PDB file of N, CA and C in Angstrom:
ATOM      1  N   MET A   1       0.841  -1.185   0.000  1.00  0.00           N
ATOM      2  CA  MET A   1       0.000   0.000   0.000  1.00  0.00           C
ATOM      3  C   MET A   1       0.885   1.246   0.000  1.00  0.00           C
ATOM      4  N   ALA A   2       0.578   2.206  -0.825  1.00  0.00           N
ATOM      5  CA  ALA A   2       1.338   3.447  -0.913  1.00  0.00           C
ATOM      6  C   ALA A   2       1.056   4.333   0.298  1.00  0.00           C
ATOM      7  N   TYR A   3       2.043   5.113   0.633  1.00  0.00           N
ATOM      8  CA  TYR A   3       1.933   6.025   1.767  1.00  0.00           C
ATOM      9  C   TYR A   3       2.345   7.412   1.291  1.00  0.00           C
ATOM     10  N   THR A   4       1.602   8.438   1.724  1.00  0.00           N
ATOM     11  CA  THR A   4       1.919   9.820   1.383  1.00  0.00           C
ATOM     12  C   THR A   4       1.952  10.677   2.638  1.00  0.00           C
ATOM     13  N   ARG A   5       2.986  11.496   2.730  1.00  0.00           N
ATOM     14  CA  ARG A   5       3.089  12.505   3.792  1.00  0.00           C
ATOM     15  C   ARG A   5       3.078  13.849   3.081  1.00  0.00           C
ATOM     16  N   THR A   6       2.224  14.762   3.532  1.00  0.00           N
ATOM     17  CA  THR A   6       2.046  16.049   2.859  1.00  0.00           C
ATOM     18  C   THR A   6       2.359  17.197   3.797  1.00  0.00           C
ATOM     19  N   LEU A   7       3.207  18.093   3.312  1.00  0.00           N
ATOM     20  CA  LEU A   7       3.495  19.342   4.008  1.00  0.00           C
ATOM     21  C   LEU A   7       2.790  20.454   3.247  1.00  0.00           C
ATOM     22  N   THR A   8       1.973  21.229   3.940  1.00  0.00           N
ATOM     23  CA  THR A   8       1.251  22.332   3.305  1.00  0.00           C
ATOM     24  C   THR A   8       1.702  23.635   3.949  1.00  0.00           C
ATOM     25  N   TRP A   9       2.355  24.470   3.151  1.00  0.00           N
ATOM     26  CA  TRP A   9       2.851  25.766   3.614  1.00  0.00           C
ATOM     27  C   TRP A   9       1.961  26.857   3.022  1.00  0.00           C
ATOM     28  N   THR A  10       1.438  27.756   3.876  1.00  0.00           N
ATOM     29  CA  THR A  10       0.572  28.833   3.420  1.00  0.00           C
ATOM     30  C   THR A  10       1.172  30.164   3.853  1.00  0.00           C
ATOM     31  N   ARG A  11       1.458  30.995   2.863  1.00  0.00           N
ATOM     32  CA  ARG A  11       2.033  32.313   3.167  1.00  0.00           C
ATOM     33  C   ARG A  11       0.951  33.381   3.041  1.00  0.00           C
ATOM     34  N   PRO A  12       1.107  34.504   3.754  1.00  0.00           N
ATOM     35  CA  PRO A  12       0.045  35.522   3.766  1.00  0.00           C
ATOM     36  C   PRO A  12      -0.126  36.256   2.444  1.00  0.00           C
ATOM     37  N   ASN A  13       0.943  36.382   1.680  1.00  0.00           N
ATOM     38  CA  ASN A  13       0.865  37.028   0.367  1.00  0.00           C
ATOM     39  C   ASN A  13       2.101  36.641  -0.443  1.00  0.00           C
ATOM     40  N   THR A  14       2.078  36.961  -1.719  1.00  0.00           N
ATOM     41  CA  THR A  14       3.177  36.544  -2.598  1.00  0.00           C
ATOM     42  C   THR A  14       4.470  37.318  -2.355  1.00  0.00           C
ATOM     43  N   GLY A  15       4.400  38.376  -1.572  1.00  0.00           N
ATOM     44  CA  GLY A  15       5.614  39.125  -1.232  1.00  0.00           C
ATOM     45  C   GLY A  15       6.415  38.480  -0.113  1.00  0.00           C
ATOM     46  N   VAL A  16       5.847  37.466   0.518  1.00  0.00           N
ATOM     47  CA  VAL A  16       6.516  36.764   1.611  1.00  0.00           C
ATOM     48  C   VAL A  16       7.141  35.493   1.048  1.00  0.00           C
ATOM     49  N   GLU A  17       8.458  35.401   1.149  1.00  0.00           N
ATOM     50  CA  GLU A  17       9.170  34.224   0.652  1.00  0.00           C
ATOM     51  C   GLU A  17       9.148  33.110   1.693  1.00  0.00           C
ATOM     52  N   LEU A  18       9.009  31.884   1.221  1.00  0.00           N
ATOM     53  CA  LEU A  18       9.126  30.736   2.123  1.00  0.00           C
ATOM     54  C   LEU A  18      10.600  30.542   2.465  1.00  0.00           C
ATOM     55  N   PRO A  19      10.904  30.332   3.746  1.00  0.00           N
ATOM     56  CA  PRO A  19      12.298  30.058   4.086  1.00  0.00           C
ATOM     57  C   PRO A  19      12.694  28.669   3.587  1.00  0.00           C
ATOM     58  N   LYS A  20      13.947  28.523   3.248  1.00  0.00           N
ATOM     59  CA  LYS A  20      14.447  27.240   2.775  1.00  0.00           C
ATOM     60  C   LYS A  20      15.625  26.827   3.642  1.00  0.00           C
ATOM     61  N   VAL A  21      15.762  25.532   3.850  1.00  0.00           N
ATOM     62  CA  VAL A  21      16.916  25.023   4.593  1.00  0.00           C
ATOM     63  C   VAL A  21      18.196  25.516   3.938  1.00  0.00           C
ATOM     64  N   SER A  22      18.206  25.543   2.609  1.00  0.00           N
ATOM     65  CA  SER A  22      19.416  25.951   1.873  1.00  0.00           C
ATOM     66  C   SER A  22      19.809  27.406   2.139  1.00  0.00           C
ATOM     67  N   ASP A  23      18.876  28.231   2.614  1.00  0.00           N
ATOM     68  CA  ASP A  23      19.194  29.627   2.921  1.00  0.00           C
ATOM     69  C   ASP A  23      20.251  29.746   4.015  1.00  0.00           C
ATOM     70  N   ALA A  24      20.195  28.867   4.988  1.00  0.00           N
ATOM     71  CA  ALA A  24      21.095  28.976   6.138  1.00  0.00           C
ATOM     72  C   ALA A  24      21.950  27.738   6.359  1.00  0.00           C
ATOM     73  N   TYR A  25      21.538  26.620   5.791  1.00  0.00           N
ATOM     74  CA  TYR A  25      22.229  25.339   6.028  1.00  0.00           C
ATOM     75  C   TYR A  25      22.365  24.578   4.708  1.00  0.00           C
ATOM     76  N   SER A  26      23.181  25.110   3.802  1.00  0.00           N
ATOM     77  CA  SER A  26      23.276  24.506   2.469  1.00  0.00           C
ATOM     78  C   SER A  26      23.806  23.075   2.502  1.00  0.00           C
ATOM     79  N   ASP A  27      24.756  22.780   3.394  1.00  0.00           N
ATOM     80  CA  ASP A  27      25.279  21.411   3.490  1.00  0.00           C
ATOM     81  C   ASP A  27      24.192  20.443   3.958  1.00  0.00           C
ATOM     82  N   VAL A  28      23.400  20.867   4.927  1.00  0.00           N
ATOM     83  CA  VAL A  28      22.301  20.033   5.416  1.00  0.00           C
ATOM     84  C   VAL A  28      21.298  19.791   4.288  1.00  0.00           C
ATOM     85  N   ASP A  29      21.000  20.843   3.523  1.00  0.00           N
ATOM     86  CA  ASP A  29      20.052  20.707   2.420  1.00  0.00           C
ATOM     87  C   ASP A  29      20.542  19.669   1.410  1.00  0.00           C
ATOM     88  N   THR A  30      21.805  19.720   1.052  1.00  0.00           N
ATOM     89  CA  THR A  30      22.369  18.757   0.100  1.00  0.00           C
ATOM     90  C   THR A  30      22.296  17.342   0.657  1.00  0.00           C
ATOM     91  N   MET A  31      22.640  17.170   1.913  1.00  0.00           N
ATOM     92  CA  MET A  31      22.625  15.835   2.518  1.00  0.00           C
ATOM     93  C   MET A  31      21.212  15.271   2.606  1.00  0.00           C
ATOM     94  N   ARG A  32      20.248  16.104   2.967  1.00  0.00           N
ATOM     95  CA  ARG A  32      18.884  15.578   3.105  1.00  0.00           C
ATOM     96  C   ARG A  32      18.289  15.234   1.745  1.00  0.00           C
ATOM     97  N   ARG A  33      18.569  16.030   0.735  1.00  0.00           N
ATOM     98  CA  ARG A  33      18.086  15.707  -0.613  1.00  0.00           C
ATOM     99  C   ARG A  33      18.678  14.376  -1.088  1.00  0.00           C
ATOM    100  N   THR A  34      19.949  14.166  -0.775  1.00  0.00           N
ATOM    101  CA  THR A  34      20.619  12.917  -1.154  1.00  0.00           C
ATOM    102  C   THR A  34      19.973  11.731  -0.459  1.00  0.00           C
ATOM    103  N   LYS A  35      19.684  11.858   0.827  1.00  0.00           N
ATOM    104  CA  LYS A  35      19.090  10.744   1.579  1.00  0.00           C
ATOM    105  C   LYS A  35      17.706  10.372   1.042  1.00  0.00           C
ATOM    106  N   TRP A  36      16.891  11.379   0.712  1.00  0.00           N
ATOM    107  CA  TRP A  36      15.568  11.090   0.141  1.00  0.00           C
ATOM    108  C   TRP A  36      15.729  10.369  -1.195  1.00  0.00           C
ATOM    109  N   ALA A  37      16.643  10.858  -2.027  1.00  0.00           N
ATOM    110  CA  ALA A  37      16.845  10.258  -3.351  1.00  0.00           C
ATOM    111  C   ALA A  37      17.386   8.834  -3.244  1.00  0.00           C
ATOM    112  N   GLU A  38      18.350   8.622  -2.363  1.00  0.00           N
ATOM    113  CA  GLU A  38      18.919   7.284  -2.199  1.00  0.00           C
ATOM    114  C   GLU A  38      17.876   6.280  -1.724  1.00  0.00           C
ATOM    115  N   ALA A  39      16.905   6.759  -0.973  1.00  0.00           N
ATOM    116  CA  ALA A  39      15.840   5.878  -0.481  1.00  0.00           C
ATOM    117  C   ALA A  39      14.780   5.612  -1.554  1.00  0.00           C
ATOM    118  N   GLY A  40      14.865   6.344  -2.669  1.00  0.00           N
ATOM    119  CA  GLY A  40      13.895   6.157  -3.740  1.00  0.00           C
ATOM    120  C   GLY A  40      12.532   6.740  -3.441  1.00  0.00           C
ATOM    121  N   ILE A  41      12.504   7.700  -2.551  1.00  0.00           N
ATOM    122  CA  ILE A  41      11.239   8.329  -2.156  1.00  0.00           C
ATOM    123  C   ILE A  41      11.037   9.602  -2.980  1.00  0.00           C
ATOM    124  N   THR A  42       9.851   9.725  -3.552  1.00  0.00           N
ATOM    125  CA  THR A  42       9.529  10.831  -4.439  1.00  0.00           C
ATOM    126  C   THR A  42       8.938  12.003  -3.661  1.00  0.00           C
ATOM    127  N   LYS A  43       9.426  13.206  -3.984  1.00  0.00           N
ATOM    128  CA  LYS A  43       8.850  14.432  -3.438  1.00  0.00           C
ATOM    129  C   LYS A  43       8.396  15.293  -4.603  1.00  0.00           C
ATOM    130  N   THR A  44       7.147  15.772  -4.530  1.00  0.00           N
ATOM    131  CA  THR A  44       6.647  16.682  -5.549  1.00  0.00           C
ATOM    132  C   THR A  44       6.239  17.996  -4.890  1.00  0.00           C
ATOM    133  N   TYR A  45       6.436  19.089  -5.615  1.00  0.00           N
ATOM    134  CA  TYR A  45       6.154  20.424  -5.118  1.00  0.00           C
ATOM    135  C   TYR A  45       5.116  21.067  -6.038  1.00  0.00           C
ATOM    136  N   THR A  46       4.003  21.555  -5.438  1.00  0.00           N
ATOM    137  CA  THR A  46       2.924  22.134  -6.235  1.00  0.00           C
ATOM    138  C   THR A  46       2.422  23.416  -5.570  1.00  0.00           C
ATOM    139  N   TRP A  47       2.456  24.515  -6.333  1.00  0.00           N
ATOM    140  CA  TRP A  47       1.870  25.769  -5.873  1.00  0.00           C
ATOM    141  C   TRP A  47       0.413  25.827  -6.302  1.00  0.00           C
ATOM    142  N   ASP A  48      -0.440  26.453  -5.473  1.00  0.00           N
ATOM    143  CA  ASP A  48      -1.814  26.679  -5.898  1.00  0.00           C
ATOM    144  C   ASP A  48      -1.828  27.809  -6.925  1.00  0.00           C
ATOM    145  N   GLU A  49      -2.989  28.064  -7.500  1.00  0.00           N
ATOM    146  CA  GLU A  49      -3.124  29.056  -8.565  1.00  0.00           C
ATOM    147  C   GLU A  49      -2.682  30.451  -8.126  1.00  0.00           C
ATOM    148  N   ASP A  50      -2.946  30.818  -6.872  1.00  0.00           N
ATOM    149  CA  ASP A  50      -2.597  32.142  -6.359  1.00  0.00           C
ATOM    150  C   ASP A  50      -1.162  32.221  -5.854  1.00  0.00           C
ATOM    151  N   GLU A  51      -0.454  31.105  -5.868  1.00  0.00           N
ATOM    152  CA  GLU A  51       0.924  31.001  -5.379  1.00  0.00           C
ATOM    153  C   GLU A  51       1.059  31.416  -3.910  1.00  0.00           C
ATOM    154  N   LEU A  52       0.026  31.081  -3.137  1.00  0.00           N
ATOM    155  CA  LEU A  52       0.069  31.313  -1.697  1.00  0.00           C
ATOM    156  C   LEU A  52       0.300  30.019  -0.926  1.00  0.00           C
ATOM    157  N   VAL A  53      -0.110  28.900  -1.495  1.00  0.00           N
ATOM    158  CA  VAL A  53      -0.020  27.604  -0.820  1.00  0.00           C
ATOM    159  C   VAL A  53       0.907  26.685  -1.609  1.00  0.00           C
ATOM    160  N   LEU A  54       1.942  26.201  -0.922  1.00  0.00           N
ATOM    161  CA  LEU A  54       2.856  25.219  -1.506  1.00  0.00           C
ATOM    162  C   LEU A  54       2.589  23.881  -0.839  1.00  0.00           C
ATOM    163  N   VAL A  55       2.312  22.867  -1.647  1.00  0.00           N
ATOM    164  CA  VAL A  55       2.074  21.520  -1.141  1.00  0.00           C
ATOM    165  C   VAL A  55       3.256  20.650  -1.566  1.00  0.00           C
ATOM    166  N   ILE A  56       3.867  20.007  -0.580  1.00  0.00           N
ATOM    167  CA  ILE A  56       4.968  19.077  -0.841  1.00  0.00           C
ATOM    168  C   ILE A  56       4.479  17.689  -0.468  1.00  0.00           C
ATOM    169  N   ASP A  57       4.380  16.832  -1.470  1.00  0.00           N
ATOM    170  CA  ASP A  57       3.959  15.451  -1.242  1.00  0.00           C
ATOM    171  C   ASP A  57       5.181  14.544  -1.251  1.00  0.00           C
ATOM    172  N   ILE A  58       5.296  13.736  -0.209  1.00  0.00           N
ATOM    173  CA  ILE A  58       6.362  12.748  -0.094  1.00  0.00           C
ATOM    174  C   ILE A  58       5.696  11.395  -0.249  1.00  0.00           C
ATOM    175  N   GLU A  59       6.060  10.653  -1.301  1.00  0.00           N
ATOM    176  CA  GLU A  59       5.399   9.389  -1.595  1.00  0.00           C
ATOM    177  C   GLU A  59       6.372   8.230  -1.491  1.00  0.00           C
ATOM    178  N   ALA A  60       5.922   7.170  -0.810  1.00  0.00           N
ATOM    179  CA  ALA A  60       6.735   5.971  -0.623  1.00  0.00           C
ATOM    180  C   ALA A  60       5.825   4.754  -0.608  1.00  0.00           C
ATOM    181  N   ASP A  61       6.437   3.591  -0.610  1.00  0.00           N
ATOM    182  CA  ASP A  61       5.655   2.355  -0.543  1.00  0.00           C
ATOM    183  C   ASP A  61       5.018   2.166   0.827  1.00  0.00           C
ATOM    184  N   SER A  62       5.685   2.693   1.876  1.00  0.00           N
ATOM    185  CA  SER A  62       5.158   2.499   3.224  1.00  0.00           C
ATOM    186  C   SER A  62       5.581   3.638   4.148  1.00  0.00           C
ATOM    187  N   LYS A  63       4.848   3.776   5.236  1.00  0.00           N
ATOM    188  CA  LYS A  63       5.185   4.754   6.275  1.00  0.00           C
ATOM    189  C   LYS A  63       6.549   4.429   6.865  1.00  0.00           C
ATOM    190  N   ALA A  64       6.853   3.143   7.009  1.00  0.00           N
ATOM    191  CA  ALA A  64       8.134   2.723   7.585  1.00  0.00           C
ATOM    192  C   ALA A  64       9.315   3.255   6.765  1.00  0.00           C
ATOM    193  N   GLU A  65       9.165   3.298   5.440  1.00  0.00           N
ATOM    194  CA  GLU A  65      10.238   3.828   4.588  1.00  0.00           C
ATOM    195  C   GLU A  65      10.494   5.311   4.868  1.00  0.00           C
ATOM    196  N   VAL A  66       9.419   6.073   4.979  1.00  0.00           N
ATOM    197  CA  VAL A  66       9.550   7.503   5.255  1.00  0.00           C
ATOM    198  C   VAL A  66      10.137   7.705   6.654  1.00  0.00           C
ATOM    199  N   ASP A  67       9.622   6.964   7.627  1.00  0.00           N
ATOM    200  CA  ASP A  67      10.128   7.080   8.997  1.00  0.00           C
ATOM    201  C   ASP A  67      11.614   6.736   9.080  1.00  0.00           C
ATOM    202  N   ALA A  68      12.058   5.758   8.300  1.00  0.00           N
ATOM    203  CA  ALA A  68      13.478   5.377   8.303  1.00  0.00           C
ATOM    204  C   ALA A  68      14.349   6.513   7.790  1.00  0.00           C
ATOM    205  N   VAL A  69      13.900   7.203   6.751  1.00  0.00           N
ATOM    206  CA  VAL A  69      14.664   8.338   6.237  1.00  0.00           C
ATOM    207  C   VAL A  69      14.679   9.470   7.260  1.00  0.00           C
ATOM    208  N   VAL A  70      13.534   9.743   7.869  1.00  0.00           N
ATOM    209  CA  VAL A  70      13.462  10.803   8.874  1.00  0.00           C
ATOM    210  C   VAL A  70      14.412  10.495  10.038  1.00  0.00           C
ATOM    211  N   THR A  71      14.454   9.257  10.472  1.00  0.00           N
ATOM    212  CA  THR A  71      15.381   8.852  11.535  1.00  0.00           C
ATOM    213  C   THR A  71      16.825   9.064  11.094  1.00  0.00           C
ATOM    214  N   ASP A  72      17.123   8.715   9.849  1.00  0.00           N
ATOM    215  CA  ASP A  72      18.467   8.908   9.305  1.00  0.00           C
ATOM    216  C   ASP A  72      18.808  10.391   9.208  1.00  0.00           C
ATOM    217  N   LEU A  73      17.847  11.208   8.816  1.00  0.00           N
ATOM    218  CA  LEU A  73      18.070  12.650   8.712  1.00  0.00           C
ATOM    219  C   LEU A  73      18.476  13.245  10.059  1.00  0.00           C
ATOM    220  N   ASP A  74      17.888  12.718  11.121  1.00  0.00           N
ATOM    221  CA  ASP A  74      18.194  13.239  12.460  1.00  0.00           C
ATOM    222  C   ASP A  74      19.651  13.039  12.857  1.00  0.00           C
ATOM    223  N   THR A  75      20.395  12.203  12.119  1.00  0.00           N
ATOM    224  CA  THR A  75      21.819  11.988  12.423  1.00  0.00           C
ATOM    225  C   THR A  75      22.718  13.015  11.747  1.00  0.00           C
ATOM    226  N   ILE A  76      22.175  13.820  10.840  1.00  0.00           N
ATOM    227  CA  ILE A  76      22.963  14.840  10.142  1.00  0.00           C
ATOM    228  C   ILE A  76      23.272  15.980  11.112  1.00  0.00           C
ATOM    229  N   PRO A  77      24.555  16.339  11.228  1.00  0.00           N
ATOM    230  CA  PRO A  77      24.882  17.494  12.080  1.00  0.00           C
ATOM    231  C   PRO A  77      24.107  18.731  11.611  1.00  0.00           C
ATOM    232  N   ASP A  78      23.564  19.459  12.539  1.00  0.00           N
ATOM    233  CA  ASP A  78      22.808  20.690  12.291  1.00  0.00           C
ATOM    234  C   ASP A  78      21.429  20.469  11.672  1.00  0.00           C
ATOM    235  N   TYR A  79      20.984  19.201  11.531  1.00  0.00           N
ATOM    236  CA  TYR A  79      19.663  18.968  10.945  1.00  0.00           C
ATOM    237  C   TYR A  79      18.570  19.573  11.826  1.00  0.00           C
ATOM    238  N   THR A  80      18.644  19.344  13.129  1.00  0.00           N
ATOM    239  CA  THR A  80      17.639  19.912  14.037  1.00  0.00           C
ATOM    240  C   THR A  80      17.683  21.428  13.981  1.00  0.00           C
ATOM    241  N   ALA A  81      18.877  21.994  13.941  1.00  0.00           N
ATOM    242  CA  ALA A  81      19.006  23.450  13.855  1.00  0.00           C
ATOM    243  C   ALA A  81      18.378  23.973  12.564  1.00  0.00           C
ATOM    244  N   SER A  82      18.526  23.232  11.475  1.00  0.00           N
ATOM    245  CA  SER A  82      17.949  23.676  10.203  1.00  0.00           C
ATOM    246  C   SER A  82      16.422  23.660  10.257  1.00  0.00           C
ATOM    247  N   LYS A  83      15.857  22.638  10.898  1.00  0.00           N
ATOM    248  CA  LYS A  83      14.391  22.582  11.053  1.00  0.00           C
ATOM    249  C   LYS A  83      13.920  23.727  11.943  1.00  0.00           C
ATOM    250  N   ASP A  84      14.638  23.975  13.032  1.00  0.00           N
ATOM    251  CA  ASP A  84      14.280  25.064  13.938  1.00  0.00           C
ATOM    252  C   ASP A  84      14.340  26.413  13.224  1.00  0.00           C
ATOM    253  N   TYR A  85      15.329  26.579  12.356  1.00  0.00           N
ATOM    254  CA  TYR A  85      15.462  27.807  11.565  1.00  0.00           C
ATOM    255  C   TYR A  85      14.220  28.025  10.706  1.00  0.00           C
ATOM    256  N   VAL A  86      13.807  26.998   9.975  1.00  0.00           N
ATOM    257  CA  VAL A  86      12.652  27.117   9.084  1.00  0.00           C
ATOM    258  C   VAL A  86      11.396  27.441   9.885  1.00  0.00           C
ATOM    259  N   VAL A  87      11.180  26.758  10.997  1.00  0.00           N
ATOM    260  CA  VAL A  87       9.992  27.011  11.820  1.00  0.00           C
ATOM    261  C   VAL A  87      10.008  28.451  12.350  1.00  0.00           C
ATOM    262  N   ALA A  88      11.141  28.895  12.878  1.00  0.00           N
ATOM    263  CA  ALA A  88      11.239  30.260  13.423  1.00  0.00           C
ATOM    264  C   ALA A  88      10.981  31.300  12.332  1.00  0.00           C
ATOM    265  N   GLU A  89      11.547  31.067  11.151  1.00  0.00           N
ATOM    266  CA  GLU A  89      11.337  31.997  10.042  1.00  0.00           C
ATOM    267  C   GLU A  89       9.879  31.993   9.577  1.00  0.00           C
ATOM    268  N   CYS A  90       9.252  30.843   9.551  1.00  0.00           N
ATOM    269  CA  CYS A  90       7.835  30.773   9.167  1.00  0.00           C
ATOM    270  C   CYS A  90       6.977  31.561  10.144  1.00  0.00           C
ATOM    271  N   ILE A  91       7.231  31.373  11.422  1.00  0.00           N
ATOM    272  CA  ILE A  91       6.473  32.106  12.438  1.00  0.00           C
ATOM    273  C   ILE A  91       6.678  33.602  12.266  1.00  0.00           C
ATOM    274  N   ALA A  92       7.924  34.025  12.091  1.00  0.00           N
ATOM    275  CA  ALA A  92       8.234  35.446  11.937  1.00  0.00           C
ATOM    276  C   ALA A  92       7.586  36.037  10.690  1.00  0.00           C
ATOM    277  N   ARG A  93       7.434  35.230   9.648  1.00  0.00           N
ATOM    278  CA  ARG A  93       6.885  35.718   8.381  1.00  0.00           C
ATOM    279  C   ARG A  93       5.375  35.493   8.249  1.00  0.00           C
ATOM    280  N   GLY A  94       4.749  34.907   9.249  1.00  0.00           N
ATOM    281  CA  GLY A  94       3.311  34.672   9.206  1.00  0.00           C
ATOM    282  C   GLY A  94       2.900  33.509   8.316  1.00  0.00           C
ATOM    283  N   ILE A  95       3.796  32.549   8.151  1.00  0.00           N
ATOM    284  CA  ILE A  95       3.545  31.379   7.319  1.00  0.00           C
ATOM    285  C   ILE A  95       3.095  30.230   8.211  1.00  0.00           C
ATOM    286  N   THR A  96       2.065  29.508   7.762  1.00  0.00           N
ATOM    287  CA  THR A  96       1.635  28.327   8.519  1.00  0.00           C
ATOM    288  C   THR A  96       2.119  27.066   7.809  1.00  0.00           C
ATOM    289  N   GLY A  97       2.381  26.060   8.598  1.00  0.00           N
ATOM    290  CA  GLY A  97       2.802  24.776   8.059  1.00  0.00           C
ATOM    291  C   GLY A  97       2.024  23.652   8.727  1.00  0.00           C
ATOM    292  N   ILE A  98       1.443  22.782   7.921  1.00  0.00           N
ATOM    293  CA  ILE A  98       0.657  21.655   8.425  1.00  0.00           C
ATOM    294  C   ILE A  98       1.215  20.373   7.798  1.00  0.00           C
ATOM    295  N   LEU A  99       1.386  19.354   8.627  1.00  0.00           N
ATOM    296  CA  LEU A  99       1.844  18.048   8.170  1.00  0.00           C
ATOM    297  C   LEU A  99       0.692  17.057   8.305  1.00  0.00           C
ATOM    298  N   THR A 100       0.335  16.406   7.203  1.00  0.00           N
ATOM    299  CA  THR A 100      -0.706  15.382   7.217  1.00  0.00           C
ATOM    300  C   THR A 100      -0.155  14.142   6.520  1.00  0.00           C
ATOM    301  N   ASP A 101      -0.835  13.018   6.713  1.00  0.00           N
ATOM    302  CA  ASP A 101      -0.420  11.821   5.979  1.00  0.00           C
ATOM    303  C   ASP A 101      -1.625  10.981   5.585  1.00  0.00           C
ATOM    304  N   SER A 102      -1.359   9.992   4.765  1.00  0.00           N
ATOM    305  CA  SER A 102      -2.435   9.164   4.229  1.00  0.00           C
ATOM    306  C   SER A 102      -3.047   8.236   5.271  1.00  0.00           C
ATOM    307  N   ASP A 103      -2.444   8.171   6.465  1.00  0.00           N
ATOM    308  CA  ASP A 103      -3.032   7.406   7.564  1.00  0.00           C
ATOM    309  C   ASP A 103      -4.034   8.234   8.360  1.00  0.00           C
ATOM    310  N   GLY A 104      -4.141   9.537   8.027  1.00  0.00           N
ATOM    311  CA  GLY A 104      -5.081  10.412   8.710  1.00  0.00           C
ATOM    312  C   GLY A 104      -4.467  11.212   9.839  1.00  0.00           C
ATOM    313  N   ASP A 105      -3.153  11.088  10.039  1.00  0.00           N
ATOM    314  CA  ASP A 105      -2.486  11.861  11.088  1.00  0.00           C
ATOM    315  C   ASP A 105      -2.260  13.298  10.605  1.00  0.00           C
ATOM    316  N   SER A 106      -2.254  14.236  11.554  1.00  0.00           N
ATOM    317  CA  SER A 106      -2.062  15.634  11.215  1.00  0.00           C
ATOM    318  C   SER A 106      -1.393  16.351  12.380  1.00  0.00           C
ATOM    319  N   SER A 107      -0.489  17.279  12.057  1.00  0.00           N
ATOM    320  CA  SER A 107       0.128  18.092  13.105  1.00  0.00           C
ATOM    321  C   SER A 107       0.493  19.454  12.531  1.00  0.00           C
ATOM    322  N   VAL A 108       0.526  20.438  13.413  1.00  0.00           N
ATOM    323  CA  VAL A 108       0.895  21.796  13.043  1.00  0.00           C
ATOM    324  C   VAL A 108       2.406  21.932  13.203  1.00  0.00           C
ATOM    325  N   ILE A 109       3.084  22.396  12.155  1.00  0.00           N
ATOM    326  CA  ILE A 109       4.518  22.626  12.207  1.00  0.00           C
ATOM    327  C   ILE A 109       4.775  24.031  12.744  1.00  0.00           C
ATOM    328  N   CYS A 110       4.025  24.994  12.209  1.00  0.00           N
ATOM    329  CA  CYS A 110       4.129  26.382  12.686  1.00  0.00           C
ATOM    330  C   CYS A 110       2.876  27.132  12.282  1.00  0.00           C
TER     331      CYS A 110
END
């Protein structure tokens, strides 16, 4: 059975840029992209028509596959700091982030 984890980022207007891990932690960004690719997990990025909502879908064969990559990501030096950076910047910029998955779980990122 396929599993999908979705990150939905909503910005207040098009003048507000979404923060990126690569803005402050380029090495972490490169390492995390490599880990997702090596695991064979697909990520797609889709903006809504108004370019206010960015949806990132992470698709894998199972939740266990995604969880294994997330666990591996946590071993990257500065990975937690990079996540904290993005959350702090989202809050400062008025951006909301919601994480949902195909199992029906949901949590607020910021």
